[in-house]
Amino acid sequence: RAVSYVEHIFGEELGRLITYPLWILGIPLLFFVFGNQKIDRVIGELSYPIYLVHFIVLSVVAVLLTHFGFGREIGVSAALVSIVVACIFYRVFIAPLDRKRHLLTRATPNHAIANNCARISLLPEPLSVESNQASPQNCF
């Protein structure tokens, strides 16, 4: 609406020339101002689960609401149900998997693996069997 409003005042071309740079500067500014807010973190964590479930939820909600005669409310209803289903999906699947993933990465620090893998030479020399040498199966 903001673009349409400015285009109405200044004309289509000049309105776009004015508003697009404002969007380009405004989005990073909003991130800088609100980046440390808890709501920003929640939205970021839910964005992928919403992406995963939204199409299925939209399909189911559209069929149900159309069947019961509420076809005009499909968009808002599907959005709200998608958020609820995404929250459940996050709590049941994504958060436990993330915890396990973080535990695994703490058990074997990446820098230790990287240091050992860096010792592997691409030259045809054989690797030593000493404990401080990396083996190819540890790096891939």
C-alpha atoms as a PDB file:
ATOM      1  CA  ARG A   1       0.000   0.000   0.000  1.00  0.00           C
ATOM      2  CA  ALA A   2       2.868   2.346   0.750  1.00  0.00           C
ATOM      3  CA  VAL A   3       4.201   1.989  -2.786  1.00  0.00           C
ATOM      4  CA  SER A   4       0.733   2.626  -4.246  1.00  0.00           C
ATOM      5  CA  TYR A   5       0.294   5.698  -2.062  1.00  0.00           C
ATOM      6  CA  VAL A   6       3.632   7.227  -3.073  1.00  0.00           C
ATOM      7  CA  GLU A   7       2.998   6.303  -6.725  1.00  0.00           C
ATOM      8  CA  HIS A   8      -0.356   8.081  -6.508  1.00  0.00           C
ATOM      9  CA  ILE A   9       1.310  11.269  -5.260  1.00  0.00           C
ATOM     10  CA  PHE A  10       4.480  11.308  -7.391  1.00  0.00           C
ATOM     11  CA  GLY A  11       3.552   9.130 -10.352  1.00  0.00           C
ATOM     12  CA  GLU A  12       4.417   5.502 -11.007  1.00  0.00           C
ATOM     13  CA  GLU A  13       8.089   5.775 -11.985  1.00  0.00           C
ATOM     14  CA  LEU A  14       9.094   8.412  -9.437  1.00  0.00           C
ATOM     15  CA  GLY A  15       7.096   6.632  -6.723  1.00  0.00           C
ATOM     16  CA  ARG A  16       9.058   3.424  -7.326  1.00  0.00           C
ATOM     17  CA  LEU A  17      12.336   5.315  -7.391  1.00  0.00           C
ATOM     18  CA  ILE A  18      11.467   6.781  -3.988  1.00  0.00           C
ATOM     19  CA  THR A  19      10.031   3.706  -2.243  1.00  0.00           C
ATOM     20  CA  TYR A  20      12.332   0.887  -3.335  1.00  0.00           C
ATOM     21  CA  PRO A  21      15.490   2.417  -1.825  1.00  0.00           C
ATOM     22  CA  LEU A  22      13.497   2.989   1.377  1.00  0.00           C
ATOM     23  CA  TRP A  23      12.665  -0.740   1.510  1.00  0.00           C
ATOM     24  CA  ILE A  24      16.290  -1.640   0.807  1.00  0.00           C
ATOM     25  CA  LEU A  25      17.453   0.544   3.695  1.00  0.00           C
ATOM     26  CA  GLY A  26      14.453  -0.105   5.935  1.00  0.00           C
ATOM     27  CA  ILE A  27      14.685  -3.895   6.194  1.00  0.00           C
ATOM     28  CA  PRO A  28      18.272  -3.934   7.557  1.00  0.00           C
ATOM     29  CA  LEU A  29      17.336  -1.057   9.871  1.00  0.00           C
ATOM     30  CA  LEU A  30      14.395  -3.056  11.242  1.00  0.00           C
ATOM     31  CA  PHE A  31      16.686  -6.041  11.773  1.00  0.00           C
ATOM     32  CA  PHE A  32      19.201  -3.849  13.602  1.00  0.00           C
ATOM     33  CA  VAL A  33      16.529  -2.319  15.851  1.00  0.00           C
ATOM     34  CA  PHE A  34      14.525  -5.475  16.590  1.00  0.00           C
ATOM     35  CA  GLY A  35      17.208  -8.167  16.089  1.00  0.00           C
ATOM     36  CA  ASN A  36      17.706  -8.811  19.805  1.00  0.00           C
ATOM     37  CA  GLN A  37      14.006  -9.167  20.600  1.00  0.00           C
ATOM     38  CA  LYS A  38      12.672 -12.556  21.698  1.00  0.00           C
ATOM     39  CA  ILE A  39       9.842 -12.339  19.166  1.00  0.00           C
ATOM     40  CA  ASP A  40      12.419 -12.065  16.386  1.00  0.00           C
ATOM     41  CA  ARG A  41      14.018 -15.312  17.579  1.00  0.00           C
ATOM     42  CA  VAL A  42      10.617 -17.048  17.761  1.00  0.00           C
ATOM     43  CA  ILE A  43       9.675 -15.925  14.248  1.00  0.00           C
ATOM     44  CA  GLY A  44      13.037 -17.125  12.964  1.00  0.00           C
ATOM     45  CA  GLU A  45      12.666 -20.528  14.645  1.00  0.00           C
ATOM     46  CA  LEU A  46       9.123 -20.986  13.314  1.00  0.00           C
ATOM     47  CA  SER A  47       9.775 -19.882   9.735  1.00  0.00           C
ATOM     48  CA  TYR A  48      11.006 -23.290   8.540  1.00  0.00           C
ATOM     49  CA  PRO A  49       8.271 -25.339  10.254  1.00  0.00           C
ATOM     50  CA  ILE A  50       5.642 -22.959   8.832  1.00  0.00           C
ATOM     51  CA  TYR A  51       7.179 -23.435   5.388  1.00  0.00           C
ATOM     52  CA  LEU A  52       7.019 -27.226   5.826  1.00  0.00           C
ATOM     53  CA  VAL A  53       3.390 -27.433   6.971  1.00  0.00           C
ATOM     54  CA  HIS A  54       1.641 -24.512   5.298  1.00  0.00           C
ATOM     55  CA  PHE A  55       0.691 -26.198   2.028  1.00  0.00           C
ATOM     56  CA  ILE A  56      -0.808 -29.274   3.684  1.00  0.00           C
ATOM     57  CA  VAL A  57      -2.635 -27.115   6.231  1.00  0.00           C
ATOM     58  CA  LEU A  58      -3.927 -24.807   3.491  1.00  0.00           C
ATOM     59  CA  SER A  59      -5.257 -27.776   1.533  1.00  0.00           C
ATOM     60  CA  VAL A  60      -7.022 -29.320   4.530  1.00  0.00           C
ATOM     61  CA  VAL A  61      -8.433 -26.010   5.804  1.00  0.00           C
ATOM     62  CA  ALA A  62      -9.681 -25.090   2.322  1.00  0.00           C
ATOM     63  CA  VAL A  63     -11.547 -28.381   1.958  1.00  0.00           C
ATOM     64  CA  LEU A  64     -13.039 -28.204   5.447  1.00  0.00           C
ATOM     65  CA  LEU A  65     -14.108 -24.555   5.320  1.00  0.00           C
ATOM     66  CA  THR A  66     -15.532 -24.899   1.817  1.00  0.00           C
ATOM     67  CA  HIS A  67     -17.475 -27.998   2.907  1.00  0.00           C
ATOM     68  CA  PHE A  68     -19.007 -26.132   5.852  1.00  0.00           C
ATOM     69  CA  GLY A  69     -19.722 -22.957   3.841  1.00  0.00           C
ATOM     70  CA  PHE A  70     -16.978 -20.700   5.196  1.00  0.00           C
ATOM     71  CA  GLY A  71     -14.961 -20.381   1.980  1.00  0.00           C
ATOM     72  CA  ARG A  72     -14.226 -16.673   2.448  1.00  0.00           C
ATOM     73  CA  GLU A  73     -12.178 -17.227   5.626  1.00  0.00           C
ATOM     74  CA  ILE A  74      -9.675 -19.692   4.129  1.00  0.00           C
ATOM     75  CA  GLY A  75      -6.619 -17.391   4.108  1.00  0.00           C
ATOM     76  CA  VAL A  76      -6.666 -16.160   7.700  1.00  0.00           C
ATOM     77  CA  SER A  77      -7.794 -19.533   9.039  1.00  0.00           C
ATOM     78  CA  ALA A  78      -5.055 -21.398   7.174  1.00  0.00           C
ATOM     79  CA  ALA A  79      -2.441 -18.929   8.408  1.00  0.00           C
ATOM     80  CA  LEU A  80      -3.498 -19.310  12.042  1.00  0.00           C
ATOM     81  CA  VAL A  81      -3.728 -23.099  11.839  1.00  0.00           C
ATOM     82  CA  SER A  82      -0.324 -23.203  10.080  1.00  0.00           C
ATOM     83  CA  ILE A  83       1.252 -21.296  12.968  1.00  0.00           C
ATOM     84  CA  VAL A  84      -0.300 -23.625  15.546  1.00  0.00           C
ATOM     85  CA  VAL A  85       0.711 -26.776  13.642  1.00  0.00           C
ATOM     86  CA  ALA A  86       4.216 -25.346  13.089  1.00  0.00           C
ATOM     87  CA  CYS A  87       4.581 -24.714  16.848  1.00  0.00           C
ATOM     88  CA  ILE A  88       3.607 -28.309  17.575  1.00  0.00           C
ATOM     89  CA  PHE A  89       5.914 -29.586  14.812  1.00  0.00           C
ATOM     90  CA  TYR A  90       8.775 -27.524  16.225  1.00  0.00           C
ATOM     91  CA  ARG A  91       8.247 -28.772  19.801  1.00  0.00           C
ATOM     92  CA  VAL A  92       7.802 -32.425  18.854  1.00  0.00           C
ATOM     93  CA  PHE A  93      10.395 -32.853  16.080  1.00  0.00           C
ATOM     94  CA  ILE A  94      12.740 -29.954  15.428  1.00  0.00           C
ATOM     95  CA  ALA A  95      13.696 -28.896  18.976  1.00  0.00           C
ATOM     96  CA  PRO A  96      14.602 -32.451  20.128  1.00  0.00           C
ATOM     97  CA  LEU A  97      16.623 -33.042  16.960  1.00  0.00           C
ATOM     98  CA  ASP A  98      18.432 -29.728  17.454  1.00  0.00           C
ATOM     99  CA  ARG A  99      19.292 -30.664  21.038  1.00  0.00           C
ATOM    100  CA  LYS A 100      20.735 -33.993  19.905  1.00  0.00           C
ATOM    101  CA  ARG A 101      22.633 -32.297  17.090  1.00  0.00           C
ATOM    102  CA  HIS A 102      24.177 -29.814  19.520  1.00  0.00           C
ATOM    103  CA  LEU A 103      25.145 -32.610  21.904  1.00  0.00           C
ATOM    104  CA  LEU A 104      26.886 -34.443  19.067  1.00  0.00           C
ATOM    105  CA  THR A 105      28.810 -31.369  17.973  1.00  0.00           C
ATOM    106  CA  ARG A 106      29.917 -30.688  21.551  1.00  0.00           C
ATOM    107  CA  ALA A 107      31.139 -34.273  21.941  1.00  0.00           C
ATOM    108  CA  THR A 108      33.450 -33.940  18.932  1.00  0.00           C
ATOM    109  CA  PRO A 109      34.550 -30.346  18.422  1.00  0.00           C
ATOM    110  CA  ASN A 110      34.623 -29.314  14.793  1.00  0.00           C
ATOM    111  CA  HIS A 111      38.046 -27.744  15.114  1.00  0.00           C
ATOM    112  CA  ALA A 112      39.531 -31.088  16.239  1.00  0.00           C
ATOM    113  CA  ILE A 113      38.060 -32.866  13.241  1.00  0.00           C
ATOM    114  CA  ALA A 114      39.172 -30.071  10.932  1.00  0.00           C
ATOM    115  CA  ASN A 115      42.728 -30.172  12.304  1.00  0.00           C
ATOM    116  CA  ASN A 116      42.953 -33.927  11.827  1.00  0.00           C
ATOM    117  CA  CYS A 117      41.472 -33.753   8.339  1.00  0.00           C
ATOM    118  CA  ALA A 118      43.901 -31.007   7.389  1.00  0.00           C
ATOM    119  CA  ARG A 119      46.755 -33.416   8.086  1.00  0.00           C
ATOM    120  CA  ILE A 120      45.603 -35.775   5.363  1.00  0.00           C
ATOM    121  CA  SER A 121      47.754 -35.208   2.342  1.00  0.00           C
ATOM    122  CA  LEU A 122      46.518 -35.597  -1.187  1.00  0.00           C
ATOM    123  CA  LEU A 123      49.951 -36.911  -2.120  1.00  0.00           C
ATOM    124  CA  PRO A 124      50.348 -40.671  -2.562  1.00  0.00           C
ATOM    125  CA  GLU A 125      52.176 -41.034   0.780  1.00  0.00           C
ATOM    126  CA  PRO A 126      50.573 -43.539   3.152  1.00  0.00           C
ATOM    127  CA  LEU A 127      49.083 -42.215   6.373  1.00  0.00           C
ATOM    128  CA  SER A 128      50.634 -43.315   9.601  1.00  0.00           C
ATOM    129  CA  VAL A 129      48.564 -45.347  12.006  1.00  0.00           C
ATOM    130  CA  GLU A 130      49.522 -43.195  14.986  1.00  0.00           C
ATOM    131  CA  SER A 131      46.720 -41.793  17.107  1.00  0.00           C
ATOM    132  CA  ASN A 132      47.524 -38.204  16.203  1.00  0.00           C
ATOM    133  CA  GLN A 133      47.082 -38.781  12.468  1.00  0.00           C
ATOM    134  CA  ALA A 134      43.710 -38.453  10.782  1.00  0.00           C
ATOM    135  CA  SER A 135      42.187 -41.274   8.876  1.00  0.00           C
ATOM    136  CA  PRO A 136      39.954 -40.759   5.868  1.00  0.00           C
ATOM    137  CA  GLN A 137      36.940 -42.381   7.548  1.00  0.00           C
ATOM    138  CA  ASN A 138      37.026 -39.738  10.319  1.00  0.00           C
ATOM    139  CA  CYS A 139      36.835 -36.879   7.832  1.00  0.00           C
ATOM    140  CA  PHE A 140      33.990 -37.883   5.586  1.00  0.00           C
END
